[in-house]
Amino acid sequence: MQFLFEIEDVFDISSRGCVLVPGVPDAFRRDVKTGEQLLIVTPQGTYIRTNIAGFEMISRGRPMVHAPFSLPRAVNKASLPVGSKVYLIDATDV
């Protein structure tokens, strides 16, 4: 399991699902693709196992060095507090 980032913001897009920001760092050591498995650990200690539904284009008024992505619509914004840690689950972790 590899740490990706800590959630700074969550956007709920009704037709797409929740988008996590900042997203996968551009400098991450391997390509991350749609469908990859994630583990999100909230500050309260709740575990959410999900996957990347798609990568999104977001303008935050400054150059981005991360790739924000959306989650399946079954995951709601209320369950994704700022400060939650997002981990990429490797095939060897399954």
Protein backbone atom coordinates (compact mmCIF):
# COMPACT_ATOMS: atom_id res chain seq x y z
CA MET A 1 0.00 0.00 0.00
CA GLN A 2 1.36 3.43 -0.97
CA PHE A 3 0.38 6.81 0.45
CA LEU A 4 -0.93 9.14 -2.28
CA PHE A 5 -2.11 12.30 -0.53
CA GLU A 6 -4.17 13.87 2.25
CA ILE A 7 -7.56 15.22 1.18
CA GLU A 8 -7.60 19.04 1.05
CA ASP A 9 -11.02 19.42 -0.55
CA VAL A 10 -13.89 17.35 -1.95
CA PHE A 11 -16.21 18.47 -4.75
CA ASP A 12 -19.52 16.67 -5.21
CA ILE A 13 -20.44 16.66 -8.90
CA SER A 14 -23.92 15.18 -9.28
CA SER A 15 -23.26 13.54 -12.63
CA ARG A 16 -19.75 12.27 -11.77
CA GLY A 17 -19.44 11.63 -8.03
CA CYS A 18 -17.00 13.07 -5.50
CA VAL A 19 -13.74 14.54 -6.77
CA LEU A 20 -10.79 14.42 -4.38
CA VAL A 21 -8.23 17.23 -4.33
CA PRO A 22 -5.28 17.49 -4.62
CA GLY A 23 -5.14 14.04 -6.27
CA VAL A 24 -2.30 11.84 -7.49
CA PRO A 25 1.01 13.75 -7.42
CA ASP A 26 2.61 14.21 -10.85
CA ALA A 27 5.88 13.01 -9.31
CA PHE A 28 4.36 9.71 -8.13
CA ARG A 29 6.72 6.90 -9.07
CA ARG A 30 4.31 4.96 -11.29
CA ASP A 31 1.30 5.51 -13.52
CA VAL A 32 -2.04 5.40 -11.73
CA LYS A 33 -5.07 4.47 -13.83
CA THR A 34 -8.84 4.49 -13.65
CA GLY A 35 -10.11 1.46 -11.73
CA GLU A 36 -7.16 1.27 -9.34
CA GLN A 37 -8.12 0.28 -5.79
CA LEU A 38 -7.88 2.81 -2.95
CA LEU A 39 -8.07 2.81 0.81
CA ILE A 40 -9.17 6.06 2.45
CA VAL A 41 -8.59 6.45 6.18
CA THR A 42 -10.55 9.26 7.83
CA PRO A 43 -9.24 11.21 10.84
CA GLN A 44 -11.86 9.33 12.92
CA GLY A 45 -10.29 6.01 11.90
CA THR A 46 -12.98 4.91 9.43
CA TYR A 47 -11.75 2.87 6.44
CA ILE A 48 -13.31 3.29 3.00
CA ARG A 49 -12.28 0.89 0.27
CA THR A 50 -13.10 2.18 -3.21
CA ASN A 51 -11.55 2.78 -6.61
CA ILE A 52 -10.70 5.60 -9.02
CA ALA A 53 -13.71 6.22 -11.28
CA GLY A 54 -12.05 8.81 -13.53
CA PHE A 55 -9.54 11.65 -13.65
CA GLU A 56 -10.89 15.20 -13.67
CA MET A 57 -9.83 18.61 -14.97
CA ILE A 58 -10.12 21.25 -12.24
CA SER A 59 -8.86 24.83 -12.29
CA ARG A 60 -7.89 26.15 -8.86
CA GLY A 61 -6.34 29.38 -10.11
CA ARG A 62 -2.76 28.12 -9.89
CA PRO A 63 -0.70 25.49 -11.70
CA MET A 64 -1.50 22.00 -10.47
CA VAL A 65 1.09 19.32 -9.83
CA HIS A 66 -1.54 16.70 -9.00
CA ALA A 67 -4.24 14.86 -10.94
CA PRO A 68 -7.62 15.10 -9.14
CA PHE A 69 -9.91 12.12 -9.61
CA SER A 70 -13.49 11.08 -8.95
CA LEU A 71 -14.80 8.15 -6.96
CA PRO A 72 -17.84 5.98 -7.73
CA ARG A 73 -21.11 7.79 -6.98
CA ALA A 74 -21.85 5.39 -4.11
CA VAL A 75 -19.19 7.22 -2.03
CA ASN A 76 -20.64 10.45 -0.64
CA LYS A 77 -18.95 13.70 0.33
CA ALA A 78 -20.02 13.46 3.97
CA SER A 79 -17.89 10.32 4.40
CA LEU A 80 -14.73 12.05 3.05
CA PRO A 81 -13.60 14.69 5.58
CA VAL A 82 -10.67 16.98 4.87
CA GLY A 83 -7.54 15.43 6.38
CA SER A 84 -8.42 11.88 5.32
CA LYS A 85 -5.44 9.96 3.96
CA VAL A 86 -5.66 8.25 0.56
CA TYR A 87 -3.63 5.12 -0.17
CA LEU A 88 -3.16 3.18 -3.39
CA ILE A 89 -3.67 -0.54 -2.85
CA ASP A 90 -1.09 -2.61 -4.71
CA ALA A 91 -2.05 -5.91 -6.30
CA THR A 92 0.16 -7.61 -3.70
CA ASP A 93 -1.97 -6.06 -0.89
CA VAL A 94 -5.18 -7.79 -2.02
